[in-house]
C-alpha atoms as a PDB file:
ATOM      1  CA  MET A   1     -27.479 -10.632  18.031  1.00  0.00           C
ATOM      2  CA  ALA A   2     -26.687  -7.214  18.711  1.00  0.00           C
ATOM      3  CA  ASN A   3     -26.740  -5.639  22.146  1.00  0.00           C
ATOM      4  CA  GLU A   4     -26.375  -2.129  23.120  1.00  0.00           C
ATOM      5  CA  VAL A   5     -23.092  -1.211  24.817  1.00  0.00           C
ATOM      6  CA  GLU A   6     -21.360   1.792  25.982  1.00  0.00           C
ATOM      7  CA  LEU A   7     -19.266   3.635  23.414  1.00  0.00           C
ATOM      8  CA  ALA A   8     -16.485   4.166  26.073  1.00  0.00           C
ATOM      9  CA  SER A   9     -16.326   0.508  26.622  1.00  0.00           C
ATOM     10  CA  LEU A  10     -14.970  -0.465  23.144  1.00  0.00           C
ATOM     11  CA  ASP A  11     -11.454  -1.431  22.718  1.00  0.00           C
ATOM     12  CA  LEU A  12      -9.934   0.316  19.704  1.00  0.00           C
ATOM     13  CA  ARG A  13      -6.536  -1.663  19.183  1.00  0.00           C
ATOM     14  CA  TYR A  14      -7.242  -2.503  15.813  1.00  0.00           C
ATOM     15  CA  GLN A  15      -8.092   0.916  14.438  1.00  0.00           C
ATOM     16  CA  GLY A  16      -4.986   1.265  12.515  1.00  0.00           C
ATOM     17  CA  PHE A  17      -5.911  -1.724  10.424  1.00  0.00           C
ATOM     18  CA  ARG A  18      -8.861   0.200   8.882  1.00  0.00           C
ATOM     19  CA  LEU A  19      -8.517   2.857   6.221  1.00  0.00           C
ATOM     20  CA  GLN A  20      -9.894   6.209   7.048  1.00  0.00           C
ATOM     21  CA  GLN A  21     -12.053   7.906   4.417  1.00  0.00           C
ATOM     22  CA  PRO A  22     -12.879  11.468   5.562  1.00  0.00           C
ATOM     23  CA  ALA A  23     -15.132  12.095   2.764  1.00  0.00           C
ATOM     24  CA  LEU A  24     -17.266   8.817   3.433  1.00  0.00           C
ATOM     25  CA  GLU A  25     -17.180   9.308   7.069  1.00  0.00           C
ATOM     26  CA  GLY A  26     -18.658  12.870   6.668  1.00  0.00           C
ATOM     27  CA  ARG A  27     -21.567  11.367   4.545  1.00  0.00           C
ATOM     28  CA  LEU A  28     -22.219   8.770   7.160  1.00  0.00           C
ATOM     29  CA  LEU A  29     -22.123  11.472   9.992  1.00  0.00           C
ATOM     30  CA  SER A  30     -24.925  13.092   8.140  1.00  0.00           C
ATOM     31  CA  SER A  31     -26.899   9.807   7.701  1.00  0.00           C
ATOM     32  CA  MET A  32     -26.378   8.790  11.266  1.00  0.00           C
ATOM     33  CA  ALA A  33     -27.720  12.288  12.477  1.00  0.00           C
ATOM     34  CA  GLN A  34     -30.870  11.570  10.827  1.00  0.00           C
ATOM     35  CA  ARG A  35     -31.553   7.768  10.943  1.00  0.00           C
ATOM     36  CA  GLY A  36     -29.316   6.618  13.643  1.00  0.00           C
ATOM     37  CA  ILE A  37     -26.942   3.540  13.401  1.00  0.00           C
ATOM     38  CA  GLN A  38     -28.274   1.130  10.790  1.00  0.00           C
ATOM     39  CA  GLU A  39     -26.029  -1.541  11.551  1.00  0.00           C
ATOM     40  CA  PRO A  40     -24.212  -2.884  14.467  1.00  0.00           C
ATOM     41  CA  LEU A  41     -20.461  -2.531  15.233  1.00  0.00           C
ATOM     42  CA  GLU A  42     -18.619  -5.672  15.218  1.00  0.00           C
ATOM     43  CA  GLY A  43     -15.752  -7.054  17.241  1.00  0.00           C
ATOM     44  CA  VAL A  44     -14.780  -9.810  19.745  1.00  0.00           C
ATOM     45  CA  ASN A  45     -15.366 -10.084  23.460  1.00  0.00           C
ATOM     46  CA  LEU A  46     -12.072 -10.931  25.608  1.00  0.00           C
ATOM     47  CA  SER A  47     -11.588 -11.699  29.188  1.00  0.00           C
ATOM     48  CA  ALA A  48      -8.990  -9.452  30.755  1.00  0.00           C
ATOM     49  CA  ALA A  49      -7.482  -9.112  34.177  1.00  0.00           C
ATOM     50  CA  CYS A  50      -9.116  -6.127  36.365  1.00  0.00           C
ATOM     51  CA  PRO A  51      -7.636  -4.687  39.508  1.00  0.00           C
ATOM     52  CA  SER A  52      -7.944  -6.393  42.709  1.00  0.00           C
ATOM     53  CA  GLY A  53     -11.178  -6.317  44.466  1.00  0.00           C
ATOM     54  CA  ARG A  54     -12.097  -5.503  48.044  1.00  0.00           C
ATOM     55  CA  GLU A  55     -10.651  -8.776  49.168  1.00  0.00           C
ATOM     56  CA  GLY A  56      -7.418  -8.274  47.383  1.00  0.00           C
ATOM     57  CA  GLN A  57      -8.221 -10.870  44.668  1.00  0.00           C
ATOM     58  CA  ALA A  58      -7.933  -9.866  40.896  1.00  0.00           C
ATOM     59  CA  GLY A  59     -10.968 -10.635  38.985  1.00  0.00           C
ATOM     60  CA  LEU A  60     -11.689 -10.844  35.094  1.00  0.00           C
ATOM     61  CA  GLN A  61     -13.662  -8.409  33.007  1.00  0.00           C
ATOM     62  CA  GLU A  62     -15.054  -8.697  29.489  1.00  0.00           C
ATOM     63  CA  VAL A  63     -13.331  -6.246  27.025  1.00  0.00           C
ATOM     64  CA  LYS A  64     -14.962  -5.673  23.753  1.00  0.00           C
ATOM     65  CA  VAL A  65     -12.315  -5.362  20.992  1.00  0.00           C
ATOM     66  CA  LEU A  66     -13.839  -3.519  17.812  1.00  0.00           C
ATOM     67  CA  LEU A  67     -12.914  -4.904  14.599  1.00  0.00           C
ATOM     68  CA  ASN A  68     -15.487  -3.369  12.308  1.00  0.00           C
ATOM     69  CA  GLY A  69     -17.432  -0.035  12.334  1.00  0.00           C
ATOM     70  CA  PHE A  70     -14.471   2.511  13.138  1.00  0.00           C
ATOM     71  CA  LYS A  71     -16.197   5.128  11.054  1.00  0.00           C
ATOM     72  CA  ARG A  72     -19.543   4.623  12.974  1.00  0.00           C
ATOM     73  CA  TYR A  73     -17.577   4.745  16.383  1.00  0.00           C
ATOM     74  CA  ARG A  74     -16.339   8.123  15.320  1.00  0.00           C
ATOM     75  CA  CYS A  75     -19.443   9.487  14.219  1.00  0.00           C
ATOM     76  CA  ALA A  76     -21.134   8.423  17.206  1.00  0.00           C
ATOM     77  CA  ARG A  77     -18.553  10.181  19.286  1.00  0.00           C
ATOM     78  CA  GLN A  78     -19.092  13.529  17.425  1.00  0.00           C
ATOM     79  CA  LEU A  79     -22.999  12.990  17.887  1.00  0.00           C
ATOM     80  CA  ARG A  80     -22.252  12.300  21.644  1.00  0.00           C
ATOM     81  CA  LEU A  81     -24.195   9.045  21.683  1.00  0.00           C
ATOM     82  CA  ALA A  82     -23.697   7.241  24.955  1.00  0.00           C
ATOM     83  CA  THR A  83     -24.490   3.647  23.753  1.00  0.00           C
ATOM     84  CA  VAL A  84     -23.961   1.808  20.308  1.00  0.00           C
ATOM     85  CA  PRO A  85     -25.620  -1.454  18.847  1.00  0.00           C
ATOM     86  CA  TYR A  86     -22.719  -4.101  19.028  1.00  0.00           C
ATOM     87  CA  SER A  87     -22.238  -7.881  18.169  1.00  0.00           C
ATOM     88  CA  SER A  88     -19.533 -10.201  18.560  1.00  0.00           C
ATOM     89  CA  LEU A  89     -17.758 -12.060  15.688  1.00  0.00           C
ATOM     90  CA  GLY A  90     -16.301 -15.060  17.654  1.00  0.00           C
ATOM     91  CA  GLN A  91     -14.900 -16.545  20.771  1.00  0.00           C
ATOM     92  CA  ASP A  92     -11.465 -15.230  20.467  1.00  0.00           C
ATOM     93  CA  GLU A  93      -9.364 -12.798  18.057  1.00  0.00           C
ATOM     94  CA  ALA A  94      -8.123 -15.372  15.396  1.00  0.00           C
ATOM     95  CA  GLY A  95     -11.644 -16.716  15.048  1.00  0.00           C
ATOM     96  CA  ALA A  96     -13.428 -13.222  14.860  1.00  0.00           C
ATOM     97  CA  ILE A  97     -10.971 -11.996  12.387  1.00  0.00           C
ATOM     98  CA  LEU A  98     -11.318 -15.128  10.130  1.00  0.00           C
ATOM     99  CA  SER A  99     -14.967 -14.408  10.450  1.00  0.00           C
ATOM    100  CA  LEU A 100     -14.707 -10.790   9.314  1.00  0.00           C
ATOM    101  CA  LEU A 101     -12.573 -11.725   6.402  1.00  0.00           C
ATOM    102  CA  LYS A 102     -15.119 -14.434   5.307  1.00  0.00           C
ATOM    103  CA  THR A 103     -17.521 -11.859   4.574  1.00  0.00           C
ATOM    104  CA  SER A 104     -15.185  -9.174   3.717  1.00  0.00           C
ATOM    105  CA  ASN A 105     -17.006  -8.440   0.562  1.00  0.00           C
ATOM    106  CA  ASN A 106     -20.173  -7.465   2.477  1.00  0.00           C
ATOM    107  CA  ARG A 107     -18.085  -5.502   4.882  1.00  0.00           C
ATOM    108  CA  ALA A 108     -16.077  -3.728   2.094  1.00  0.00           C
ATOM    109  CA  LEU A 109     -12.786  -4.416   3.442  1.00  0.00           C
ATOM    110  CA  SER A 110     -10.019  -3.153   0.864  1.00  0.00           C
ATOM    111  CA  ILE A 111      -7.180  -5.357  -0.242  1.00  0.00           C
ATOM    112  CA  LEU A 112      -4.769  -3.640   2.212  1.00  0.00           C
ATOM    113  CA  GLU A 113      -7.304  -4.069   4.995  1.00  0.00           C
ATOM    114  CA  GLN A 114      -7.437  -7.639   4.398  1.00  0.00           C
ATOM    115  CA  ALA A 115      -3.672  -7.927   4.020  1.00  0.00           C
ATOM    116  CA  ALA A 116      -3.191  -6.323   7.509  1.00  0.00           C
ATOM    117  CA  PHE A 117      -5.493  -8.801   9.172  1.00  0.00           C
ATOM    118  CA  ILE A 118      -3.983 -11.642   7.410  1.00  0.00           C
ATOM    119  CA  ALA A 119      -0.603 -10.522   8.485  1.00  0.00           C
ATOM    120  CA  GLU A 120      -2.022 -10.347  12.136  1.00  0.00           C
ATOM    121  CA  LEU A 121      -3.165 -13.903  11.827  1.00  0.00           C
ATOM    122  CA  LYS A 122       0.172 -15.236  10.635  1.00  0.00           C
ATOM    123  CA  ASN A 123       2.671 -13.181  12.355  1.00  0.00           C
ATOM    124  CA  VAL A 124       0.763 -12.583  15.741  1.00  0.00           C
ATOM    125  CA  ARG A 125      -1.769 -15.489  16.151  1.00  0.00           C
ATOM    126  CA  GLY A 126       0.426 -18.161  14.644  1.00  0.00           C
ATOM    127  CA  LEU A 127      -1.482 -19.379  11.467  1.00  0.00           C
ATOM    128  CA  ASN A 128       0.416 -20.436   8.659  1.00  0.00           C
ATOM    129  CA  VAL A 129      -0.533 -19.539   4.897  1.00  0.00           C
ATOM    130  CA  ALA A 130      -2.204 -22.960   4.406  1.00  0.00           C
ATOM    131  CA  GLU A 131      -4.335 -22.700   7.621  1.00  0.00           C
ATOM    132  CA  ILE A 132      -5.394 -19.202   6.597  1.00  0.00           C
ATOM    133  CA  ALA A 133      -6.298 -20.209   3.022  1.00  0.00           C
ATOM    134  CA  ALA A 134      -8.283 -23.301   4.244  1.00  0.00           C
ATOM    135  CA  GLU A 135     -10.302 -21.149   6.871  1.00  0.00           C
ATOM    136  CA  LEU A 136     -11.049 -18.516   4.072  1.00  0.00           C
ATOM    137  CA  SER A 137     -11.528 -21.013   1.430  1.00  0.00           C
ATOM    138  CA  ARG A 138      -9.114 -19.201  -0.599  1.00  0.00           C
ATOM    139  CA  SER A 139      -6.040 -20.157  -2.480  1.00  0.00           C
ATOM    140  CA  LYS A 140      -2.453 -20.008  -1.015  1.00  0.00           C
ATOM    141  CA  SER A 141      -1.560 -17.646  -3.810  1.00  0.00           C
ATOM    142  CA  TRP A 142      -4.189 -15.086  -2.765  1.00  0.00           C
ATOM    143  CA  VAL A 143      -3.090 -15.310   0.984  1.00  0.00           C
ATOM    144  CA  THR A 144       0.710 -14.878  -0.080  1.00  0.00           C
ATOM    145  CA  MET A 145      -0.077 -11.846  -2.184  1.00  0.00           C
ATOM    146  CA  ARG A 146      -1.743 -10.108   0.590  1.00  0.00           C
ATOM    147  CA  LEU A 147       1.182 -10.937   2.974  1.00  0.00           C
ATOM    148  CA  GLY A 148       3.602  -9.691   0.404  1.00  0.00           C
ATOM    149  CA  LEU A 149       1.824  -6.260   0.376  1.00  0.00           C
ATOM    150  CA  MET A 150       2.497  -5.972   4.148  1.00  0.00           C
ATOM    151  CA  VAL A 151       6.140  -7.155   3.897  1.00  0.00           C
ATOM    152  CA  GLN A 152       7.234  -4.588   1.053  1.00  0.00           C
ATOM    153  CA  MET A 153       5.238  -1.577   2.902  1.00  0.00           C
ATOM    154  CA  SER A 154       7.405   0.299   5.562  1.00  0.00           C
ATOM    155  CA  GLU A 155       5.634   1.593   8.669  1.00  0.00           C
ATOM    156  CA  PRO A 156       5.566   5.597   7.654  1.00  0.00           C
ATOM    157  CA  VAL A 157       3.964   4.326   4.288  1.00  0.00           C
ATOM    158  CA  ARG A 158       1.527   2.433   5.982  1.00  0.00           C
ATOM    159  CA  GLN A 159       0.711   5.165   8.420  1.00  0.00           C
ATOM    160  CA  LYS A 160       0.058   7.403   5.171  1.00  0.00           C
ATOM    161  CA  LEU A 161      -2.185   4.757   3.758  1.00  0.00           C
ATOM    162  CA  PHE A 162      -4.469   4.050   6.230  1.00  0.00           C
ATOM    163  CA  THR A 163      -4.915   7.338   7.608  1.00  0.00           C
ATOM    164  CA  GLY A 164      -5.948   8.535   4.046  1.00  0.00           C
ATOM    165  CA  ALA A 165      -3.036  10.751   3.386  1.00  0.00           C
ATOM    166  CA  PHE A 166      -2.195   9.000   0.352  1.00  0.00           C
ATOM    167  CA  PRO A 167      -4.442   7.359  -2.026  1.00  0.00           C
ATOM    168  CA  VAL A 168      -4.491   3.591  -1.985  1.00  0.00           C
ATOM    169  CA  TYR A 169      -5.136   2.906  -5.611  1.00  0.00           C
ATOM    170  CA  ALA A 170      -2.051   5.163  -6.432  1.00  0.00           C
ATOM    171  CA  TYR A 171       0.017   3.059  -3.977  1.00  0.00           C
ATOM    172  CA  MET A 172      -1.028  -0.182  -5.770  1.00  0.00           C
ATOM    173  CA  TYR A 173      -0.409   1.508  -9.060  1.00  0.00           C
ATOM    174  CA  LEU A 174       3.436   2.253  -7.819  1.00  0.00           C
ATOM    175  CA  THR A 175       4.194  -1.118  -6.442  1.00  0.00           C
ATOM    176  CA  ASN A 176       2.802  -2.783  -9.697  1.00  0.00           C
ATOM    177  CA  GLN A 177       4.265  -0.454 -12.309  1.00  0.00           C
ATOM    178  CA  PHE A 178       7.585   0.709 -10.731  1.00  0.00           C
ATOM    179  CA  MET A 179       8.545  -1.742  -7.538  1.00  0.00           C
ATOM    180  CA  ARG A 180       7.983  -4.909  -9.479  1.00  0.00           C
ATOM    181  CA  MET A 181       8.569  -4.153 -13.032  1.00  0.00           C
ATOM    182  CA  ASN A 182      11.506  -1.609 -13.047  1.00  0.00           C
ATOM    183  CA  GLY A 183      13.280  -2.752  -9.819  1.00  0.00           C
ATOM    184  CA  VAL A 184      12.727   0.628  -7.620  1.00  0.00           C
ATOM    185  CA  GLN A 185      13.551  -0.170  -4.217  1.00  0.00           C
ATOM    186  CA  ARG A 186      11.160   0.261  -1.065  1.00  0.00           C
ATOM    187  CA  GLU A 187      13.232   3.209   0.071  1.00  0.00           C
ATOM    188  CA  GLN A 188      12.498   5.193  -2.898  1.00  0.00           C
ATOM    189  CA  ILE A 189       8.684   4.337  -2.819  1.00  0.00           C
ATOM    190  CA  GLN A 190       8.836   5.609   0.773  1.00  0.00           C
ATOM    191  CA  GLN A 191      10.383   9.016  -0.372  1.00  0.00           C
ATOM    192  CA  PHE A 192       7.755   9.499  -2.812  1.00  0.00           C
ATOM    193  CA  VAL A 193       4.695   8.641  -0.800  1.00  0.00           C
ATOM    194  CA  LEU A 194       5.999  10.707   2.224  1.00  0.00           C
ATOM    195  CA  ALA A 195       6.678  13.825  -0.238  1.00  0.00           C
ATOM    196  CA  VAL A 196       3.246  13.979  -1.758  1.00  0.00           C
ATOM    197  CA  SER A 197       1.116  12.712   0.871  1.00  0.00           C
ATOM    198  CA  GLY A 198      -1.623  15.034   2.526  1.00  0.00           C
ATOM    199  CA  GLN A 199      -1.505  17.362  -0.546  1.00  0.00           C
ATOM    200  CA  GLY A 200      -4.927  16.698  -1.836  1.00  0.00           C
ATOM    201  CA  LEU A 201      -3.838  15.333  -5.118  1.00  0.00           C
ATOM    202  CA  SER A 202      -5.760  13.305  -7.315  1.00  0.00           C
ATOM    203  CA  VAL A 203      -4.975   9.781  -8.450  1.00  0.00           C
ATOM    204  CA  ARG A 204      -4.248  11.041 -11.735  1.00  0.00           C
ATOM    205  CA  GLU A 205      -1.748  13.644 -10.366  1.00  0.00           C
ATOM    206  CA  VAL A 206      -0.061  11.352  -8.211  1.00  0.00           C
ATOM    207  CA  GLU A 207       0.542   8.864 -11.053  1.00  0.00           C
ATOM    208  CA  GLN A 208       1.946  11.767 -13.118  1.00  0.00           C
ATOM    209  CA  LEU A 209       4.449  12.647 -10.406  1.00  0.00           C
ATOM    210  CA  ALA A 210       5.326   9.226 -10.079  1.00  0.00           C
ATOM    211  CA  HIS A 211       6.321   8.926 -13.795  1.00  0.00           C
ATOM    212  CA  GLY A 212       8.504  11.979 -13.344  1.00  0.00           C
ATOM    213  CA  PHE A 213       9.993  10.696 -10.204  1.00  0.00           C
ATOM    214  CA  PHE A 214      10.851   7.427 -10.994  1.00  0.00           C
ATOM    215  CA  ARG A 215      11.653   7.725 -14.614  1.00  0.00           C
ATOM    216  CA  GLY A 216      12.630  11.351 -15.036  1.00  0.00           C
ATOM    217  CA  PRO A 217      15.968  12.941 -14.462  1.00  0.00           C
ATOM    218  CA  GLU A 218      17.592  13.730 -10.946  1.00  0.00           C
ATOM    219  CA  SER A 219      16.591  17.224 -10.991  1.00  0.00           C
ATOM    220  CA  PHE A 220      12.982  16.368 -11.322  1.00  0.00           C
ATOM    221  CA  ARG A 221      12.947  13.993  -8.424  1.00  0.00           C
ATOM    222  CA  GLN A 222      14.751  16.642  -6.166  1.00  0.00           C
ATOM    223  CA  GLU A 223      12.005  19.134  -6.910  1.00  0.00           C
ATOM    224  CA  ILE A 224       9.362  16.575  -5.538  1.00  0.00           C
ATOM    225  CA  LEU A 225      11.425  15.980  -2.617  1.00  0.00           C
ATOM    226  CA  LYS A 226      11.555  19.681  -2.022  1.00  0.00           C
ATOM    227  CA  GLY A 227       7.898  19.859  -1.974  1.00  0.00           C
ATOM    228  CA  ASN A 228       7.368  21.883  -5.403  1.00  0.00           C
ATOM    229  CA  LEU A 229       4.534  19.792  -6.481  1.00  0.00           C
ATOM    230  CA  ALA A 230       2.739  22.314  -8.517  1.00  0.00           C
ATOM    231  CA  LEU A 231       5.986  23.171 -10.578  1.00  0.00           C
ATOM    232  CA  SER A 232       6.523  19.557 -11.042  1.00  0.00           C
ATOM    233  CA  LEU A 233       3.021  18.846 -12.248  1.00  0.00           C
ATOM    234  CA  ASP A 234       3.006  21.682 -14.590  1.00  0.00           C
ATOM    235  CA  ARG A 235       6.098  20.282 -16.190  1.00  0.00           C
ATOM    236  CA  MET A 236       4.419  17.010 -16.539  1.00  0.00           C
ATOM    237  CA  ARG A 237       1.606  18.541 -18.176  1.00  0.00           C
ATOM    238  CA  GLN A 238       3.627  20.045 -20.872  1.00  0.00           C
ATOM    239  CA  VAL A 239       4.661  16.617 -21.947  1.00  0.00           C
ATOM    240  CA  PRO A 240       1.938  15.211 -24.574  1.00  0.00           C
ATOM    241  CA  GLN A 241       0.023  12.116 -23.068  1.00  0.00           C
ATOM    242  CA  SER A 242      -1.216  10.969 -26.431  1.00  0.00           C
ATOM    243  CA  PRO A 243       1.033   8.939 -28.483  1.00  0.00           C
ATOM    244  CA  ASP A 244      -0.310  10.913 -31.460  1.00  0.00           C
ATOM    245  CA  GLY A 245       1.981  13.754 -30.240  1.00  0.00           C
ATOM    246  CA  CYS A 246       4.945  11.600 -31.727  1.00  0.00           C
ATOM    247  CA  SER A 247       5.854   9.925 -35.000  1.00  0.00           C
ATOM    248  CA  GLU A 248       5.939   6.345 -35.517  1.00  0.00           C
ATOM    249  CA  PHE A 249       9.719   6.314 -35.585  1.00  0.00           C
ATOM    250  CA  GLU A 250       9.670   8.473 -32.352  1.00  0.00           C
ATOM    251  CA  ARG A 251       7.441   6.212 -30.561  1.00  0.00           C
ATOM    252  CA  VAL A 252       9.702   3.308 -31.437  1.00  0.00           C
ATOM    253  CA  LEU A 253      12.581   4.972 -30.323  1.00  0.00           C
ATOM    254  CA  LEU A 254      10.960   5.893 -26.961  1.00  0.00           C
ATOM    255  CA  GLY A 255       9.942   2.242 -26.355  1.00  0.00           C
ATOM    256  CA  ASP A 256      13.658   1.293 -26.884  1.00  0.00           C
ATOM    257  CA  LEU A 257      14.821   3.660 -24.427  1.00  0.00           C
ATOM    258  CA  GLU A 258      12.277   2.566 -21.909  1.00  0.00           C
ATOM    259  CA  LEU A 259      13.457  -1.041 -22.466  1.00  0.00           C
ATOM    260  CA  THR A 260      16.983  -0.189 -22.345  1.00  0.00           C
ATOM    261  CA  GLN A 261      16.328   1.550 -18.848  1.00  0.00           C
ATOM    262  CA  LYS A 262      14.426  -1.368 -17.801  1.00  0.00           C
ATOM    263  CA  TYR A 263      17.128  -3.913 -18.709  1.00  0.00           C
ATOM    264  CA  MET A 264      19.990  -1.881 -17.521  1.00  0.00           C
ATOM    265  CA  GLN A 265      18.483  -1.964 -13.838  1.00  0.00           C
ATOM    266  CA  ARG A 266      17.488  -5.779 -14.317  1.00  0.00           C
ATOM    267  CA  VAL A 267      21.166  -6.597 -15.476  1.00  0.00           C
ATOM    268  CA  MET A 268      22.570  -4.464 -12.525  1.00  0.00           C
ATOM    269  CA  GLY A 269      20.514  -6.278  -9.847  1.00  0.00           C
ATOM    270  CA  LYS A 270      20.934  -9.658 -11.107  1.00  0.00           C
ATOM    271  CA  SER A 271      24.779  -9.438 -11.495  1.00  0.00           C
ATOM    272  CA  GLN A 272      25.087  -8.695  -7.810  1.00  0.00           C
ATOM    273  CA  GLN A 273      23.744 -12.103  -7.218  1.00  0.00           C
ATOM    274  CA  HIS A 274      27.053 -13.860  -7.188  1.00  0.00           C
ATOM    275  CA  ALA A 275      25.778 -17.008  -5.505  1.00  0.00           C
ATOM    276  CA  LYS A 276      23.404 -17.638  -8.145  1.00  0.00           C
ATOM    277  CA  LEU A 277      26.055 -17.263 -11.054  1.00  0.00           C
ATOM    278  CA  SER A 278      28.313 -20.199 -10.555  1.00  0.00           C
ATOM    279  CA  SER A 279      28.342 -22.517 -13.746  1.00  0.00           C
ATOM    280  CA  ARG A 280      31.187 -22.582 -16.199  1.00  0.00           C
ATOM    281  CA  ALA A 281      28.682 -22.614 -19.128  1.00  0.00           C
ATOM    282  CA  PHE A 282      27.243 -19.151 -17.829  1.00  0.00           C
ATOM    283  CA  HIS A 283      30.623 -17.678 -17.189  1.00  0.00           C
ATOM    284  CA  ALA A 284      32.044 -18.496 -20.735  1.00  0.00           C
ATOM    285  CA  GLN A 285      28.812 -17.045 -22.598  1.00  0.00           C
ATOM    286  CA  SER A 286      28.561 -14.104 -20.307  1.00  0.00           C
ATOM    287  CA  HIS A 287      32.156 -13.321 -20.937  1.00  0.00           C
ATOM    288  CA  LEU A 288      31.692 -13.047 -24.605  1.00  0.00           C
ATOM    289  CA  LEU A 289      28.398 -11.003 -24.158  1.00  0.00           C
ATOM    290  CA  THR A 290      29.953  -8.397 -21.851  1.00  0.00           C
ATOM    291  CA  ALA A 291      33.011  -7.883 -23.925  1.00  0.00           C
ATOM    292  CA  GLY A 292      30.929  -7.078 -26.917  1.00  0.00           C
ATOM    293  CA  ILE A 293      28.717  -4.552 -24.833  1.00  0.00           C
ATOM    294  CA  LEU A 294      31.646  -3.041 -23.285  1.00  0.00           C
ATOM    295  CA  SER A 295      33.317  -2.361 -26.904  1.00  0.00           C
ATOM    296  CA  ARG A 296      30.079  -0.383 -27.749  1.00  0.00           C
ATOM    297  CA  SER A 297      29.544   1.273 -24.377  1.00  0.00           C
ATOM    298  CA  PRO A 298      31.555   4.243 -25.207  1.00  0.00           C
ATOM    299  CA  ALA A 299      29.823   5.010 -28.459  1.00  0.00           C
ATOM    300  CA  PHE A 300      26.439   4.229 -26.876  1.00  0.00           C
ATOM    301  CA  VAL A 301      27.017   6.727 -23.940  1.00  0.00           C
ATOM    302  CA  ASP A 302      28.314   9.487 -26.158  1.00  0.00           C
ATOM    303  CA  THR A 303      25.117   8.878 -28.445  1.00  0.00           C
ATOM    304  CA  LEU A 304      22.698   9.215 -25.383  1.00  0.00           C
ATOM    305  CA  LYS A 305      24.643  12.363 -24.256  1.00  0.00           C
ATOM    306  CA  HIS A 306      24.062  14.169 -27.628  1.00  0.00           C
ATOM    307  CA  LEU A 307      20.497  12.859 -27.503  1.00  0.00           C
ATOM    308  CA  HIS A 308      19.893  14.191 -24.003  1.00  0.00           C
ATOM    309  CA  ASP A 309      21.395  17.586 -24.821  1.00  0.00           C
ATOM    310  CA  ARG A 310      19.267  17.970 -27.900  1.00  0.00           C
ATOM    311  CA  ASN A 311      16.046  17.174 -26.198  1.00  0.00           C
ATOM    312  CA  GLY A 312      16.953  19.467 -23.446  1.00  0.00           C
ATOM    313  CA  GLN A 313      17.414  22.404 -26.046  1.00  0.00           C
ATOM    314  CA  ALA A 314      14.089  21.595 -28.001  1.00  0.00           C
END
């Protein structure tokens, strides 16, 4: 049941758990100016110690911690509203967060917002994966996948995503296409996100730059890190996006080169895991295979150099 509460009384500690969407917020502001707030803001009421009273004894006061409705809150401030409709989702923070997540489709929580709240339940509120999955009627893999998103996300990247400086869809594309499949490290993802954030780029433009940054030459990567995004995008647009720009033989070779790059990265990464490479059978077979690869490596590298030089002159 919703009650009118003072706007200034709301605690915003979870504001960083919700994505900011300036365009959507602008439309909401216009709607609220005409029709007011259509749905109550939601949170949890908590008891907190208040300063000592006149008799020197500390008391308790109720704190309304906001969980859902931050866009409405910011719009209400712009409209100088003194009070807003508000309802509580539970008796404690963990219960209220679970209630929010149970109906996240109705409240349009993105996958990153879900991940942030689930990480809060596990890391701060002490619930384990099985408990969270049971409470939400979800699989443990559903919970684990969202926890993994937060683990691989650095704090600077999180700030860019949740403040709307970098498109969420593009970040999901990066992690799926590059970090998981091609062995790109978290630090490299952070470099790229920080370099292109806040530039008003479309998702398509971000994806184009990502291909050049993670698969292109070092010179291209440095141009992006220096902020020369317009020049980098212009160079990417000169590359035909359609496979019809290449012959069948050329397409096959491009595929072979992409696989070569991928498996080179995989071999380098796995070869460093010495504790997992201990059987005599592995050492015997690996020794034969590496000898064959090493015997061909000078000719292979020389061929790549000639191909690279010809491509640069074309």
